[in-house]
Amino acid sequence: MLRRRRDLADWRWSPAGPRAPDRGNPRLRRSRGRLARPPGAGRRGGRMSETPTTDPARVRSQDAPFRWQGVDFLPYKETGEAPFKAVSRQVLFHHPALQGELRYFEVEAGGHTTLESHEHAHAVMILRGRGRVLVYPEVRAVAGHDLVFIAPHTWHQFRADAEPLGFLCLVNVERDRPRLPTEADWAFLRADPAVAAFFDDSP
């Protein structure tokens, strides 16, 4: 369940987890805490994975805003694989020593990611811009350094407002493929007025 912003001290992280009084694992909170670094994306059998081609340098500089040395600028997904609009993907970390992948996604103004659900969880930090996120059943506005937790089997989608929305996304290396909504799923989701407005409203 998402929690509304309170005093900033209530939302800071400690090594043991969120500081009291906010215990548990909320899906979205504003935080000044640090984000641990992991790795990248692809497929192996029925699960997602990707084999790195080279061992990454220990330190890689940012050579342009939100672009990094040795990191390919990739399409969000294969054309026709799933509906989305104006999204790019960069795999920042993928290494055999890591069990996770850290990716950077950027949604252009007015764009959106795929509406999907899957067994694996996502951990997201917003790096730039503003937008809205659906983490069913909640719809929230998001901005720089907000944290979003997407639990397993949760419908979710990111939408950019009138500026690009960029975010880090941490996932398991081995993960299941996303499930797209059926007509029955769409009807179920649109039965909630706030969720229907999320799909229909333009930035």
N, C-alpha and C. Protein backbone atom coordinates (compact mmCIF):
# COMPACT_ATOMS: atom_id res chain seq x y z
N MET A 1 0.84 -1.19 0.00
CA MET A 1 0.00 0.00 0.00
C MET A 1 0.88 1.24 0.00
N LEU A 2 0.56 2.24 -0.83
CA LEU A 2 1.35 3.46 -0.90
C LEU A 2 1.04 4.35 0.29
N ARG A 3 2.02 5.10 0.70
CA ARG A 3 1.83 6.01 1.82
C ARG A 3 2.08 7.43 1.36
N ARG A 4 1.32 8.35 1.93
CA ARG A 4 1.49 9.75 1.58
C ARG A 4 2.72 10.31 2.27
N ARG A 5 3.27 11.36 1.65
CA ARG A 5 4.46 11.98 2.22
C ARG A 5 4.15 12.59 3.56
N ARG A 6 5.03 12.32 4.52
CA ARG A 6 4.94 12.96 5.82
C ARG A 6 6.20 13.79 6.02
N ASP A 7 6.58 14.01 7.25
CA ASP A 7 7.82 14.69 7.52
C ASP A 7 8.96 13.88 6.90
N LEU A 8 9.96 14.58 6.28
CA LEU A 8 11.01 13.87 5.58
C LEU A 8 11.73 12.87 6.46
N ALA A 9 11.84 13.16 7.75
CA ALA A 9 12.54 12.23 8.63
C ALA A 9 11.85 10.87 8.68
N ASP A 10 10.53 10.86 8.45
CA ASP A 10 9.79 9.60 8.50
C ASP A 10 10.10 8.71 7.32
N TRP A 11 10.70 9.30 6.27
CA TRP A 11 10.86 8.52 5.05
C TRP A 11 12.31 8.11 4.79
N ARG A 12 13.24 8.49 5.66
CA ARG A 12 14.63 8.14 5.43
C ARG A 12 14.86 6.67 5.71
N TRP A 13 15.85 6.14 4.99
CA TRP A 13 16.18 4.73 5.15
C TRP A 13 17.34 4.56 6.10
N SER A 14 17.37 3.49 6.83
CA SER A 14 18.52 3.08 7.63
C SER A 14 18.91 1.71 7.13
N PRO A 15 20.11 1.22 7.49
CA PRO A 15 20.50 -0.13 7.02
C PRO A 15 19.50 -1.20 7.39
N ALA A 16 18.74 -0.98 8.47
CA ALA A 16 17.77 -2.00 8.90
C ALA A 16 16.43 -1.84 8.22
N GLY A 17 16.27 -0.78 7.39
CA GLY A 17 15.00 -0.57 6.71
C GLY A 17 14.48 0.82 6.98
N PRO A 18 13.19 1.10 6.66
CA PRO A 18 12.62 2.42 6.88
C PRO A 18 12.62 2.77 8.36
N ARG A 19 12.90 4.03 8.64
CA ARG A 19 12.89 4.49 10.02
C ARG A 19 11.48 4.52 10.58
N ALA A 20 11.33 4.15 11.84
CA ALA A 20 10.04 4.24 12.51
C ALA A 20 9.55 5.67 12.42
N PRO A 21 8.24 5.93 12.27
CA PRO A 21 7.20 4.95 12.52
C PRO A 21 6.78 4.15 11.28
N ASP A 22 7.44 4.37 10.13
CA ASP A 22 7.01 3.75 8.89
C ASP A 22 7.73 2.45 8.68
N ARG A 23 7.20 1.33 9.18
CA ARG A 23 7.80 0.03 8.98
C ARG A 23 7.06 -0.69 7.86
N GLY A 24 7.65 -1.74 7.38
CA GLY A 24 7.03 -2.46 6.28
C GLY A 24 7.75 -2.12 4.99
N ASN A 25 7.10 -2.38 3.86
CA ASN A 25 7.72 -2.17 2.57
C ASN A 25 6.77 -1.43 1.65
N PRO A 26 6.55 -0.12 1.84
CA PRO A 26 5.61 0.63 1.02
C PRO A 26 6.07 0.66 -0.43
N ARG A 27 5.13 0.76 -1.33
CA ARG A 27 5.47 0.73 -2.75
C ARG A 27 6.11 2.01 -3.22
N LEU A 28 5.78 3.13 -2.57
CA LEU A 28 6.36 4.39 -3.02
C LEU A 28 6.61 5.26 -1.82
N ARG A 29 7.80 5.83 -1.73
CA ARG A 29 8.08 6.80 -0.68
C ARG A 29 9.17 7.73 -1.16
N ARG A 30 9.15 8.95 -0.67
CA ARG A 30 10.21 9.89 -0.96
C ARG A 30 11.32 9.64 0.03
N SER A 31 12.57 9.70 -0.45
CA SER A 31 13.67 9.31 0.43
C SER A 31 14.93 10.04 0.05
N ARG A 32 15.78 10.27 1.06
CA ARG A 32 17.11 10.78 0.81
C ARG A 32 18.16 9.68 0.89
N GLY A 33 17.70 8.43 1.03
CA GLY A 33 18.63 7.31 1.17
C GLY A 33 19.35 7.02 -0.13
N ARG A 34 20.37 6.16 -0.05
CA ARG A 34 21.15 5.79 -1.22
C ARG A 34 20.57 4.54 -1.87
N LEU A 35 20.80 4.43 -3.17
CA LEU A 35 20.32 3.27 -3.90
C LEU A 35 21.48 2.31 -4.14
N ALA A 36 21.33 1.07 -3.70
CA ALA A 36 22.38 0.09 -3.94
C ALA A 36 22.50 -0.17 -5.43
N ARG A 37 23.71 -0.48 -5.93
CA ARG A 37 23.92 -0.67 -7.36
C ARG A 37 23.96 -2.12 -7.75
N PRO A 38 23.13 -2.53 -8.68
CA PRO A 38 23.18 -3.80 -9.39
C PRO A 38 23.14 -3.63 -10.90
N PRO A 39 22.54 -4.68 -11.85
CA PRO A 39 22.76 -4.77 -13.31
C PRO A 39 21.70 -4.85 -14.39
N GLY A 40 21.24 -5.46 -16.02
CA GLY A 40 20.80 -5.40 -17.40
C GLY A 40 19.61 -6.05 -18.14
N ALA A 41 19.10 -7.00 -19.24
CA ALA A 41 17.81 -7.54 -19.75
C ALA A 41 17.94 -8.47 -20.96
N GLY A 42 16.90 -9.36 -21.30
CA GLY A 42 16.94 -10.27 -22.43
C GLY A 42 16.12 -11.50 -22.15
N ARG A 43 16.46 -12.68 -22.72
CA ARG A 43 15.62 -13.86 -22.52
C ARG A 43 16.45 -15.12 -22.46
N ARG A 44 15.99 -16.07 -21.69
CA ARG A 44 16.56 -17.42 -21.68
C ARG A 44 15.43 -18.38 -21.40
N GLY A 45 15.03 -19.13 -22.40
CA GLY A 45 13.88 -20.00 -22.24
C GLY A 45 12.64 -19.16 -22.01
N GLY A 46 11.85 -19.54 -20.98
CA GLY A 46 10.64 -18.79 -20.67
C GLY A 46 10.89 -17.66 -19.71
N ARG A 47 12.17 -17.45 -19.31
CA ARG A 47 12.47 -16.41 -18.35
C ARG A 47 13.39 -15.39 -19.00
N MET A 48 13.45 -14.20 -18.36
CA MET A 48 14.24 -13.12 -18.91
C MET A 48 15.66 -13.19 -18.39
N SER A 49 16.64 -12.89 -19.24
CA SER A 49 18.04 -12.82 -18.84
C SER A 49 18.82 -12.24 -20.00
N GLU A 50 20.09 -11.95 -19.77
CA GLU A 50 20.94 -11.49 -20.86
C GLU A 50 22.38 -11.74 -20.48
N THR A 51 23.16 -12.28 -21.38
CA THR A 51 24.55 -12.58 -21.10
C THR A 51 25.42 -11.39 -21.49
N PRO A 52 26.17 -10.81 -20.53
CA PRO A 52 27.02 -9.67 -20.87
C PRO A 52 28.11 -10.09 -21.84
N THR A 53 28.45 -9.22 -22.79
CA THR A 53 29.45 -9.55 -23.78
C THR A 53 30.86 -9.21 -23.30
N THR A 54 30.99 -8.22 -22.43
CA THR A 54 32.29 -7.82 -21.92
C THR A 54 32.18 -7.54 -20.44
N ASP A 55 33.33 -7.62 -19.78
CA ASP A 55 33.38 -7.28 -18.36
C ASP A 55 33.42 -5.77 -18.24
N PRO A 56 32.46 -5.13 -17.54
CA PRO A 56 32.41 -3.68 -17.48
C PRO A 56 33.58 -3.10 -16.71
N ALA A 57 34.01 -1.90 -17.11
CA ALA A 57 35.04 -1.20 -16.36
C ALA A 57 34.53 -0.88 -14.96
N ARG A 58 35.45 -0.78 -14.02
CA ARG A 58 35.04 -0.51 -12.65
C ARG A 58 34.40 0.87 -12.52
N VAL A 59 34.90 1.83 -13.28
CA VAL A 59 34.35 3.19 -13.25
C VAL A 59 34.05 3.61 -14.69
N ARG A 60 32.82 4.01 -14.93
CA ARG A 60 32.42 4.49 -16.25
C ARG A 60 31.80 5.87 -16.09
N SER A 61 32.29 6.82 -16.85
CA SER A 61 31.85 8.20 -16.71
C SER A 61 30.56 8.44 -17.48
N GLN A 62 29.84 9.45 -17.05
CA GLN A 62 28.69 9.93 -17.81
C GLN A 62 29.23 10.84 -18.90
N ASP A 63 29.03 10.49 -20.17
CA ASP A 63 29.59 11.29 -21.24
C ASP A 63 28.59 12.24 -21.88
N ALA A 64 27.35 12.18 -21.46
CA ALA A 64 26.28 13.11 -21.86
C ALA A 64 25.19 12.96 -20.80
N PRO A 65 24.28 13.93 -20.69
CA PRO A 65 23.24 13.80 -19.67
C PRO A 65 22.48 12.48 -19.80
N PHE A 66 22.56 11.66 -18.74
CA PHE A 66 21.87 10.37 -18.68
C PHE A 66 22.30 9.42 -19.80
N ARG A 67 23.57 9.51 -20.18
CA ARG A 67 24.22 8.58 -21.10
C ARG A 67 25.58 8.24 -20.50
N TRP A 68 25.98 6.96 -20.56
CA TRP A 68 27.19 6.51 -19.89
C TRP A 68 28.11 5.78 -20.85
N GLN A 69 29.41 5.88 -20.59
CA GLN A 69 30.40 5.21 -21.42
C GLN A 69 30.18 3.70 -21.41
N GLY A 70 30.25 3.10 -22.58
CA GLY A 70 30.13 1.65 -22.67
C GLY A 70 28.74 1.10 -22.46
N VAL A 71 27.74 1.96 -22.40
CA VAL A 71 26.36 1.52 -22.19
C VAL A 71 25.56 1.79 -23.46
N ASP A 72 25.00 0.75 -24.04
CA ASP A 72 24.23 0.89 -25.28
C ASP A 72 22.89 1.56 -25.02
N PHE A 73 22.50 2.40 -25.97
CA PHE A 73 21.19 3.04 -25.95
C PHE A 73 20.25 2.14 -26.74
N LEU A 74 19.27 1.54 -26.07
CA LEU A 74 18.46 0.47 -26.66
C LEU A 74 16.99 0.84 -26.70
N PRO A 75 16.24 0.20 -27.60
CA PRO A 75 14.78 0.35 -27.53
C PRO A 75 14.25 -0.30 -26.26
N TYR A 76 13.17 0.20 -25.76
CA TYR A 76 12.54 -0.33 -24.54
C TYR A 76 12.20 -1.80 -24.69
N LYS A 77 11.56 -2.15 -25.80
CA LYS A 77 11.21 -3.54 -26.12
C LYS A 77 11.24 -3.70 -27.63
N GLU A 78 11.17 -4.94 -28.06
CA GLU A 78 11.11 -5.20 -29.49
C GLU A 78 9.80 -4.64 -30.07
N THR A 79 9.88 -4.11 -31.27
CA THR A 79 8.70 -3.56 -31.92
C THR A 79 7.62 -4.63 -32.07
N GLY A 80 6.41 -4.31 -31.64
CA GLY A 80 5.30 -5.24 -31.74
C GLY A 80 5.20 -6.22 -30.59
N GLU A 81 6.20 -6.23 -29.68
CA GLU A 81 6.17 -7.18 -28.56
C GLU A 81 5.08 -6.81 -27.56
N ALA A 82 4.92 -5.51 -27.30
CA ALA A 82 3.93 -5.02 -26.34
C ALA A 82 3.70 -3.54 -26.60
N PRO A 83 2.52 -3.02 -26.29
CA PRO A 83 2.24 -1.60 -26.55
C PRO A 83 2.97 -0.69 -25.56
N PHE A 84 3.65 0.31 -26.10
CA PHE A 84 4.30 1.36 -25.31
C PHE A 84 4.49 2.56 -26.22
N LYS A 85 4.95 3.67 -25.66
CA LYS A 85 5.12 4.87 -26.48
C LYS A 85 6.36 5.64 -26.01
N ALA A 86 7.34 5.78 -26.91
CA ALA A 86 8.49 6.67 -26.73
C ALA A 86 9.28 6.37 -25.45
N VAL A 87 9.83 5.15 -25.38
CA VAL A 87 10.61 4.74 -24.21
C VAL A 87 11.93 4.15 -24.68
N SER A 88 13.03 4.50 -23.99
CA SER A 88 14.34 3.92 -24.28
C SER A 88 14.85 3.19 -23.04
N ARG A 89 15.87 2.35 -23.24
CA ARG A 89 16.41 1.50 -22.17
C ARG A 89 17.92 1.48 -22.24
N GLN A 90 18.58 1.54 -21.07
CA GLN A 90 20.02 1.34 -20.96
C GLN A 90 20.30 0.38 -19.81
N VAL A 91 21.11 -0.64 -20.08
CA VAL A 91 21.47 -1.61 -19.05
C VAL A 91 22.77 -1.13 -18.40
N LEU A 92 22.68 -0.63 -17.18
CA LEU A 92 23.84 -0.06 -16.51
C LEU A 92 24.74 -1.12 -15.88
N PHE A 93 24.14 -2.12 -15.25
CA PHE A 93 24.91 -3.18 -14.62
C PHE A 93 24.28 -4.54 -14.92
N HIS A 94 25.12 -5.43 -15.44
CA HIS A 94 24.78 -6.84 -15.59
C HIS A 94 26.10 -7.59 -15.51
N HIS A 95 26.28 -8.40 -14.47
CA HIS A 95 27.56 -9.05 -14.24
C HIS A 95 27.31 -10.38 -13.54
N PRO A 96 28.08 -11.42 -13.86
CA PRO A 96 27.86 -12.71 -13.21
C PRO A 96 27.95 -12.67 -11.69
N ALA A 97 28.69 -11.70 -11.15
CA ALA A 97 28.82 -11.60 -9.70
C ALA A 97 27.58 -11.00 -9.05
N LEU A 98 26.69 -10.48 -9.84
CA LEU A 98 25.48 -9.85 -9.32
C LEU A 98 24.27 -10.71 -9.64
N GLN A 99 23.30 -10.70 -8.78
CA GLN A 99 22.06 -11.44 -9.01
C GLN A 99 20.95 -10.53 -9.53
N GLY A 100 21.25 -9.27 -9.70
CA GLY A 100 20.26 -8.33 -10.19
C GLY A 100 20.79 -7.54 -11.37
N GLU A 101 19.90 -6.82 -12.00
CA GLU A 101 20.25 -5.92 -13.10
C GLU A 101 19.74 -4.52 -12.75
N LEU A 102 20.56 -3.53 -13.08
CA LEU A 102 20.15 -2.14 -12.90
C LEU A 102 20.03 -1.51 -14.27
N ARG A 103 18.83 -1.05 -14.59
CA ARG A 103 18.57 -0.43 -15.89
C ARG A 103 18.13 1.02 -15.70
N TYR A 104 18.34 1.82 -16.75
CA TYR A 104 17.81 3.19 -16.77
C TYR A 104 16.84 3.30 -17.93
N PHE A 105 15.60 3.66 -17.62
CA PHE A 105 14.58 3.87 -18.64
C PHE A 105 14.26 5.36 -18.73
N GLU A 106 14.00 5.80 -19.95
CA GLU A 106 13.57 7.19 -20.13
C GLU A 106 12.33 7.21 -21.01
N VAL A 107 11.28 7.84 -20.48
CA VAL A 107 10.01 7.98 -21.19
C VAL A 107 9.92 9.41 -21.69
N GLU A 108 9.80 9.58 -22.98
CA GLU A 108 9.70 10.93 -23.54
C GLU A 108 8.38 11.58 -23.12
N ALA A 109 8.33 12.90 -23.22
CA ALA A 109 7.14 13.65 -22.84
C ALA A 109 5.91 13.07 -23.53
N GLY A 110 4.88 12.76 -22.75
CA GLY A 110 3.66 12.19 -23.31
C GLY A 110 3.73 10.70 -23.56
N GLY A 111 4.88 10.07 -23.29
CA GLY A 111 5.02 8.64 -23.53
C GLY A 111 4.62 7.81 -22.32
N HIS A 112 4.66 6.48 -22.52
CA HIS A 112 4.30 5.59 -21.42
C HIS A 112 4.95 4.22 -21.61
N THR A 113 5.18 3.53 -20.51
CA THR A 113 5.68 2.16 -20.56
C THR A 113 4.50 1.22 -20.80
N THR A 114 4.81 -0.06 -20.92
CA THR A 114 3.77 -1.07 -21.11
C THR A 114 2.99 -1.29 -19.82
N LEU A 115 1.69 -1.44 -19.94
CA LEU A 115 0.88 -1.90 -18.80
C LEU A 115 1.08 -3.40 -18.71
N GLU A 116 1.61 -3.86 -17.56
CA GLU A 116 1.94 -5.28 -17.44
C GLU A 116 1.97 -5.71 -15.99
N SER A 117 2.05 -7.02 -15.82
CA SER A 117 2.13 -7.66 -14.51
C SER A 117 3.06 -8.86 -14.65
N HIS A 118 3.77 -9.22 -13.58
CA HIS A 118 4.68 -10.36 -13.63
C HIS A 118 5.00 -10.85 -12.24
N GLU A 119 5.64 -12.00 -12.18
CA GLU A 119 5.95 -12.63 -10.88
C GLU A 119 7.06 -11.91 -10.14
N HIS A 120 8.04 -11.36 -10.87
CA HIS A 120 9.17 -10.70 -10.21
C HIS A 120 8.81 -9.27 -9.78
N ALA A 121 9.54 -8.79 -8.78
CA ALA A 121 9.33 -7.44 -8.26
C ALA A 121 10.24 -6.45 -8.97
N HIS A 122 9.88 -5.17 -8.89
CA HIS A 122 10.71 -4.07 -9.38
C HIS A 122 10.98 -3.11 -8.22
N ALA A 123 12.17 -2.53 -8.23
CA ALA A 123 12.49 -1.42 -7.33
C ALA A 123 12.93 -0.26 -8.20
N VAL A 124 12.27 0.89 -8.07
CA VAL A 124 12.46 2.01 -8.99
C VAL A 124 12.80 3.28 -8.22
N MET A 125 13.74 4.04 -8.77
CA MET A 125 14.00 5.40 -8.29
C MET A 125 13.87 6.36 -9.46
N ILE A 126 13.04 7.40 -9.29
CA ILE A 126 12.89 8.43 -10.32
C ILE A 126 14.13 9.31 -10.30
N LEU A 127 14.77 9.50 -11.48
CA LEU A 127 15.96 10.34 -11.55
C LEU A 127 15.70 11.71 -12.14
N ARG A 128 14.77 11.81 -13.05
CA ARG A 128 14.52 13.12 -13.69
C ARG A 128 13.07 13.22 -14.11
N GLY A 129 12.60 14.47 -14.23
CA GLY A 129 11.27 14.73 -14.74
C GLY A 129 10.15 14.47 -13.74
N ARG A 130 8.95 14.54 -14.28
CA ARG A 130 7.74 14.29 -13.50
C ARG A 130 6.79 13.42 -14.32
N GLY A 131 5.95 12.71 -13.63
CA GLY A 131 4.98 11.88 -14.32
C GLY A 131 4.02 11.26 -13.34
N ARG A 132 3.38 10.18 -13.78
CA ARG A 132 2.43 9.46 -12.94
C ARG A 132 2.71 7.98 -13.05
N VAL A 133 2.41 7.27 -11.98
CA VAL A 133 2.61 5.83 -11.99
C VAL A 133 1.36 5.16 -11.47
N LEU A 134 1.00 4.07 -12.13
CA LEU A 134 -0.04 3.18 -11.63
C LEU A 134 0.64 1.98 -11.00
N VAL A 135 0.42 1.77 -9.72
CA VAL A 135 0.79 0.54 -9.04
C VAL A 135 -0.52 0.07 -8.42
N TYR A 136 -1.25 -0.73 -9.18
CA TYR A 136 -2.64 -1.01 -8.86
C TYR A 136 -2.82 -1.41 -7.39
N PRO A 137 -3.80 -0.80 -6.70
CA PRO A 137 -4.87 0.05 -7.21
C PRO A 137 -4.59 1.55 -7.10
N GLU A 138 -3.36 1.93 -6.82
CA GLU A 138 -3.07 3.33 -6.58
C GLU A 138 -2.47 4.01 -7.80
N VAL A 139 -2.83 5.29 -7.97
CA VAL A 139 -2.26 6.17 -8.99
C VAL A 139 -1.59 7.31 -8.25
N ARG A 140 -0.31 7.56 -8.55
CA ARG A 140 0.41 8.61 -7.83
C ARG A 140 1.23 9.45 -8.80
N ALA A 141 1.37 10.74 -8.48
CA ALA A 141 2.32 11.60 -9.17
C ALA A 141 3.72 11.30 -8.63
N VAL A 142 4.74 11.31 -9.51
CA VAL A 142 6.10 11.03 -9.09
C VAL A 142 7.03 12.10 -9.65
N ALA A 143 8.15 12.32 -8.95
CA ALA A 143 9.16 13.29 -9.36
C ALA A 143 10.51 12.79 -8.87
N GLY A 144 11.55 13.58 -9.13
CA GLY A 144 12.91 13.18 -8.85
C GLY A 144 13.14 12.62 -7.45
N HIS A 145 13.79 11.45 -7.38
CA HIS A 145 14.21 10.76 -6.16
C HIS A 145 13.06 10.07 -5.42
N ASP A 146 11.87 10.07 -5.97
CA ASP A 146 10.80 9.25 -5.39
C ASP A 146 11.15 7.78 -5.63
N LEU A 147 10.73 6.94 -4.69
CA LEU A 147 10.97 5.49 -4.78
C LEU A 147 9.65 4.77 -5.00
N VAL A 148 9.65 3.80 -5.88
CA VAL A 148 8.45 3.04 -6.20
C VAL A 148 8.78 1.55 -6.08
N PHE A 149 8.02 0.84 -5.27
CA PHE A 149 8.17 -0.62 -5.18
C PHE A 149 6.98 -1.27 -5.87
N ILE A 150 7.27 -2.16 -6.81
CA ILE A 150 6.24 -2.87 -7.55
C ILE A 150 6.29 -4.33 -7.12
N ALA A 151 5.29 -4.74 -6.38
CA ALA A 151 5.24 -6.10 -5.84
C ALA A 151 4.91 -7.09 -6.96
N PRO A 152 5.18 -8.37 -6.75
CA PRO A 152 4.83 -9.38 -7.75
C PRO A 152 3.34 -9.37 -8.08
N HIS A 153 3.03 -9.66 -9.34
CA HIS A 153 1.65 -9.80 -9.82
C HIS A 153 0.84 -8.51 -9.60
N THR A 154 1.47 -7.37 -9.84
CA THR A 154 0.81 -6.07 -9.67
C THR A 154 0.79 -5.35 -11.02
N TRP A 155 -0.38 -4.92 -11.46
CA TRP A 155 -0.47 -4.14 -12.69
C TRP A 155 0.23 -2.80 -12.47
N HIS A 156 1.08 -2.39 -13.43
CA HIS A 156 1.82 -1.15 -13.26
C HIS A 156 2.14 -0.53 -14.62
N GLN A 157 2.29 0.77 -14.58
CA GLN A 157 2.65 1.53 -15.79
C GLN A 157 3.15 2.91 -15.37
N PHE A 158 4.15 3.42 -16.11
CA PHE A 158 4.67 4.77 -15.90
C PHE A 158 4.26 5.64 -17.08
N ARG A 159 3.86 6.87 -16.78
CA ARG A 159 3.48 7.83 -17.82
C ARG A 159 4.19 9.15 -17.55
N ALA A 160 4.83 9.71 -18.59
CA ALA A 160 5.52 10.99 -18.46
C ALA A 160 4.54 12.14 -18.67
N ASP A 161 4.78 13.22 -17.95
CA ASP A 161 3.99 14.43 -18.16
C ASP A 161 4.58 15.20 -19.35
N ALA A 162 4.64 16.52 -19.25
CA ALA A 162 5.09 17.34 -20.37
C ALA A 162 6.61 17.48 -20.42
N GLU A 163 7.33 16.53 -19.82
CA GLU A 163 8.79 16.51 -19.86
C GLU A 163 9.22 15.04 -19.75
N PRO A 164 10.44 14.71 -20.15
CA PRO A 164 10.88 13.31 -20.05
C PRO A 164 10.88 12.82 -18.60
N LEU A 165 10.58 11.56 -18.44
CA LEU A 165 10.59 10.91 -17.13
C LEU A 165 11.65 9.81 -17.17
N GLY A 166 12.72 9.96 -16.36
CA GLY A 166 13.79 8.97 -16.34
C GLY A 166 13.87 8.29 -14.99
N PHE A 167 14.08 6.97 -15.00
CA PHE A 167 14.13 6.26 -13.73
C PHE A 167 15.05 5.04 -13.80
N LEU A 168 15.66 4.72 -12.64
CA LEU A 168 16.41 3.50 -12.47
C LEU A 168 15.45 2.39 -12.09
N CYS A 169 15.73 1.18 -12.57
CA CYS A 169 14.88 0.03 -12.26
C CYS A 169 15.77 -1.17 -11.95
N LEU A 170 15.59 -1.72 -10.76
CA LEU A 170 16.36 -2.88 -10.30
C LEU A 170 15.48 -4.12 -10.34
N VAL A 171 15.97 -5.17 -11.01
CA VAL A 171 15.22 -6.43 -11.11
C VAL A 171 16.18 -7.61 -10.95
N ASN A 172 15.62 -8.80 -10.77
CA ASN A 172 16.40 -10.03 -10.78
C ASN A 172 16.94 -10.29 -12.18
N VAL A 173 18.10 -10.93 -12.26
CA VAL A 173 18.62 -11.34 -13.57
C VAL A 173 17.69 -12.39 -14.19
N GLU A 174 17.36 -13.41 -13.43
CA GLU A 174 16.45 -14.44 -13.90
C GLU A 174 15.03 -14.06 -13.49
N ARG A 175 14.15 -13.89 -14.46
CA ARG A 175 12.81 -13.42 -14.16
C ARG A 175 11.83 -13.91 -15.22
N ASP A 176 10.57 -13.91 -14.85
CA ASP A 176 9.54 -14.37 -15.78
C ASP A 176 9.20 -13.27 -16.78
N ARG A 177 8.55 -13.65 -17.86
CA ARG A 177 8.13 -12.68 -18.86
C ARG A 177 6.86 -11.97 -18.42
N PRO A 178 6.71 -10.69 -18.78
CA PRO A 178 5.52 -9.95 -18.38
C PRO A 178 4.23 -10.51 -18.97
N ARG A 179 3.14 -10.31 -18.25
CA ARG A 179 1.81 -10.67 -18.74
C ARG A 179 1.07 -9.40 -19.13
N LEU A 180 0.50 -9.38 -20.32
CA LEU A 180 -0.26 -8.23 -20.79
C LEU A 180 -1.73 -8.40 -20.43
N PRO A 181 -2.46 -7.29 -20.30
CA PRO A 181 -3.87 -7.39 -19.89
C PRO A 181 -4.75 -7.95 -21.00
N THR A 182 -5.70 -8.77 -20.61
CA THR A 182 -6.73 -9.25 -21.52
C THR A 182 -7.88 -8.24 -21.53
N GLU A 183 -8.88 -8.49 -22.36
CA GLU A 183 -10.06 -7.61 -22.37
C GLU A 183 -10.73 -7.61 -21.00
N ALA A 184 -10.77 -8.77 -20.36
CA ALA A 184 -11.37 -8.84 -19.02
C ALA A 184 -10.55 -8.04 -18.02
N ASP A 185 -9.22 -8.06 -18.15
CA ASP A 185 -8.36 -7.28 -17.26
C ASP A 185 -8.61 -5.79 -17.46
N TRP A 186 -8.70 -5.37 -18.73
CA TRP A 186 -8.97 -3.96 -19.01
C TRP A 186 -10.29 -3.52 -18.38
N ALA A 187 -11.30 -4.33 -18.51
CA ALA A 187 -12.61 -3.99 -17.94
C ALA A 187 -12.51 -3.88 -16.42
N PHE A 188 -11.78 -4.79 -15.81
CA PHE A 188 -11.60 -4.77 -14.36
C PHE A 188 -10.87 -3.50 -13.93
N LEU A 189 -9.79 -3.16 -14.62
CA LEU A 189 -9.01 -1.98 -14.25
C LEU A 189 -9.79 -0.69 -14.45
N ARG A 190 -10.50 -0.61 -15.58
CA ARG A 190 -11.25 0.61 -15.88
C ARG A 190 -12.48 0.79 -15.00
N ALA A 191 -12.86 -0.22 -14.27
CA ALA A 191 -13.98 -0.08 -13.35
C ALA A 191 -13.65 0.89 -12.21
N ASP A 192 -12.36 1.11 -11.98
CA ASP A 192 -11.92 2.09 -10.98
C ASP A 192 -11.77 3.43 -11.68
N PRO A 193 -12.55 4.47 -11.30
CA PRO A 193 -12.50 5.76 -11.99
C PRO A 193 -11.11 6.40 -12.01
N ALA A 194 -10.35 6.27 -10.93
CA ALA A 194 -9.02 6.87 -10.87
C ALA A 194 -8.07 6.18 -11.86
N VAL A 195 -8.20 4.88 -11.98
CA VAL A 195 -7.35 4.13 -12.91
C VAL A 195 -7.76 4.45 -14.35
N ALA A 196 -9.04 4.52 -14.62
CA ALA A 196 -9.52 4.88 -15.96
C ALA A 196 -9.01 6.26 -16.36
N ALA A 197 -9.04 7.21 -15.42
CA ALA A 197 -8.55 8.56 -15.72
C ALA A 197 -7.05 8.55 -15.98
N PHE A 198 -6.31 7.69 -15.30
CA PHE A 198 -4.88 7.56 -15.53
C PHE A 198 -4.61 7.15 -16.98
N PHE A 199 -5.38 6.21 -17.50
CA PHE A 199 -5.20 5.77 -18.87
C PHE A 199 -5.62 6.82 -19.89
N ASP A 200 -6.65 7.59 -19.56
CA ASP A 200 -7.27 8.48 -20.54
C ASP A 200 -6.71 9.90 -20.54
N ASP A 201 -6.23 10.39 -19.42
CA ASP A 201 -5.78 11.78 -19.32
C ASP A 201 -4.50 11.99 -20.09
N SER A 202 -4.42 13.12 -20.79
CA SER A 202 -3.19 13.52 -21.48
C SER A 202 -2.39 14.42 -20.55
N PRO A 203 -1.04 14.41 -20.68
CA PRO A 203 -0.24 15.28 -19.81
C PRO A 203 -0.51 16.73 -20.10
